[in-house]
Structures are given as structure tokens and as C-alpha cells.
Amino acid sequence: MSVVEIDERGRMTIPKKIGLKKSRAIVIPAGSFFITIPLSAHPQKNAQGWLPTSKGRAELKTEAELMAQHDAAERAKRRRQL
């Protein structure tokens, strides 16, 4: 475990021993802390073995966009913004 400092602009430096140089990560806020999950350079290739699907990339993208639109509309209705 490493302790890092966060500067006034919200940036932090990851220690070298963790080895996340020039990479991307997902940051999930969880109350007073957050979870960081490193992403591989080619996530599609890594997911092929454990995430099988018969749908193509374009079809998956379209489905995800429709689900996001539906979710946004539902949230707006709950907030009485629509």
C-alpha cells in the first residue's frame, strides 16, 4: 500500500513501484475513497476469452447508447426536469 498526495488541481502521482506509467484507468468514487482499475491497451482482445458475445461492435455500441439515453431520461423524470 502506498500513500499519495493530491495537489490543489486534483492530481496525484502514482508511485513507480505500482507500474502504471502511460496507462489508462477507471476511477470509481466510493464515498470518501475511490477505486482505481487499470485498463489494458487492448481491452477487446483481453475480454474475448471471458466475455463471449455474438453481437458486433457497432451493435453493442448502439445498444449501449440507447440504454444510456433511456437511463438519462428516467433520471430527468425523477428530478422533474422533463
Protein backbone atom coordinates (compact mmCIF):
# COMPACT_ATOMS: atom_id res chain seq x y z
CA MET A 1 0.00 0.00 0.00
CA SER A 2 1.22 3.49 -0.83
CA VAL A 3 0.18 6.90 0.44
CA VAL A 4 -0.01 9.60 -2.23
CA GLU A 5 -0.65 13.33 -2.11
CA ILE A 6 -3.31 15.05 -4.17
CA ASP A 7 -2.41 18.56 -5.30
CA GLU A 8 -4.68 21.61 -5.45
CA ARG A 9 -5.67 20.75 -9.03
CA GLY A 10 -6.84 17.25 -8.04
CA ARG A 11 -3.82 15.43 -9.48
CA MET A 12 -1.87 12.70 -7.80
CA THR A 13 1.34 10.88 -8.64
CA ILE A 14 1.24 7.08 -8.66
CA PRO A 15 4.40 5.53 -7.16
CA LYS A 16 6.80 3.89 -9.65
CA LYS A 17 6.60 0.52 -7.90
CA ILE A 18 2.91 0.23 -8.88
CA GLY A 19 3.92 0.45 -12.55
CA LEU A 20 1.04 2.38 -14.13
CA LYS A 21 3.13 4.66 -16.33
CA LYS A 22 1.46 5.82 -19.55
CA SER A 23 -1.69 3.80 -18.97
CA ARG A 24 -5.40 4.45 -18.55
CA ALA A 25 -7.57 3.52 -15.60
CA ILE A 26 -11.17 3.59 -14.45
CA VAL A 27 -11.74 5.61 -11.27
CA ILE A 28 -14.85 4.68 -9.29
CA PRO A 29 -15.89 7.07 -6.49
CA ALA A 30 -16.94 5.19 -3.37
CA GLY A 31 -17.85 7.66 -0.64
CA SER A 32 -14.72 9.11 0.99
CA PHE A 33 -12.38 6.97 -1.14
CA PHE A 34 -12.12 5.72 -4.71
CA ILE A 35 -11.17 2.54 -6.53
CA THR A 36 -8.75 2.60 -9.47
CA ILE A 37 -8.84 -0.20 -12.05
CA PRO A 38 -6.08 -0.17 -14.68
CA LEU A 39 -7.17 -0.73 -18.29
CA SER A 40 -5.15 -2.71 -20.77
CA ALA A 41 -4.14 -1.16 -24.09
CA HIS A 42 -6.42 -3.61 -25.96
CA PRO A 43 -9.39 -4.45 -23.71
CA GLN A 44 -11.35 -6.14 -26.53
CA LYS A 45 -8.61 -8.71 -27.06
CA ASN A 46 -8.34 -9.43 -23.33
CA ALA A 47 -12.11 -9.81 -22.93
CA GLN A 48 -12.62 -12.22 -25.83
CA GLY A 49 -11.99 -15.31 -23.73
CA TRP A 50 -14.22 -14.49 -20.76
CA LEU A 51 -16.83 -12.22 -22.34
CA PRO A 52 -18.26 -14.03 -25.36
CA THR A 53 -20.95 -12.37 -27.50
CA SER A 54 -22.46 -12.93 -30.90
CA LYS A 55 -23.10 -9.20 -31.39
CA GLY A 56 -20.79 -6.99 -33.39
CA ARG A 57 -19.04 -3.91 -32.07
CA ALA A 58 -21.42 -1.48 -33.84
CA GLU A 59 -24.48 -3.31 -32.48
CA LEU A 60 -23.08 -3.27 -28.93
CA LYS A 61 -22.31 0.46 -29.23
CA THR A 62 -25.82 1.23 -30.47
CA GLU A 63 -27.37 -0.82 -27.67
CA ALA A 64 -25.21 0.93 -25.04
CA GLU A 65 -26.15 4.37 -26.41
CA LEU A 66 -29.86 3.54 -26.33
CA MET A 67 -29.58 2.27 -22.76
CA ALA A 68 -27.72 5.46 -21.74
CA GLN A 69 -30.42 7.65 -23.34
CA HIS A 70 -33.15 5.70 -21.55
CA ASP A 71 -31.31 5.97 -18.24
CA ALA A 72 -30.79 9.74 -18.68
CA ALA A 73 -34.49 10.24 -19.48
CA GLU A 74 -35.55 8.24 -16.43
CA ARG A 75 -33.25 10.26 -14.17
CA ALA A 76 -34.58 13.52 -15.62
CA LYS A 77 -38.17 12.39 -14.99
CA ARG A 78 -37.37 11.54 -11.37
CA ARG A 79 -35.87 15.01 -10.94
CA ARG A 80 -38.88 16.54 -12.69
CA GLN A 81 -36.66 18.07 -15.36
CA LEU A 82 -38.76 16.66 -18.21
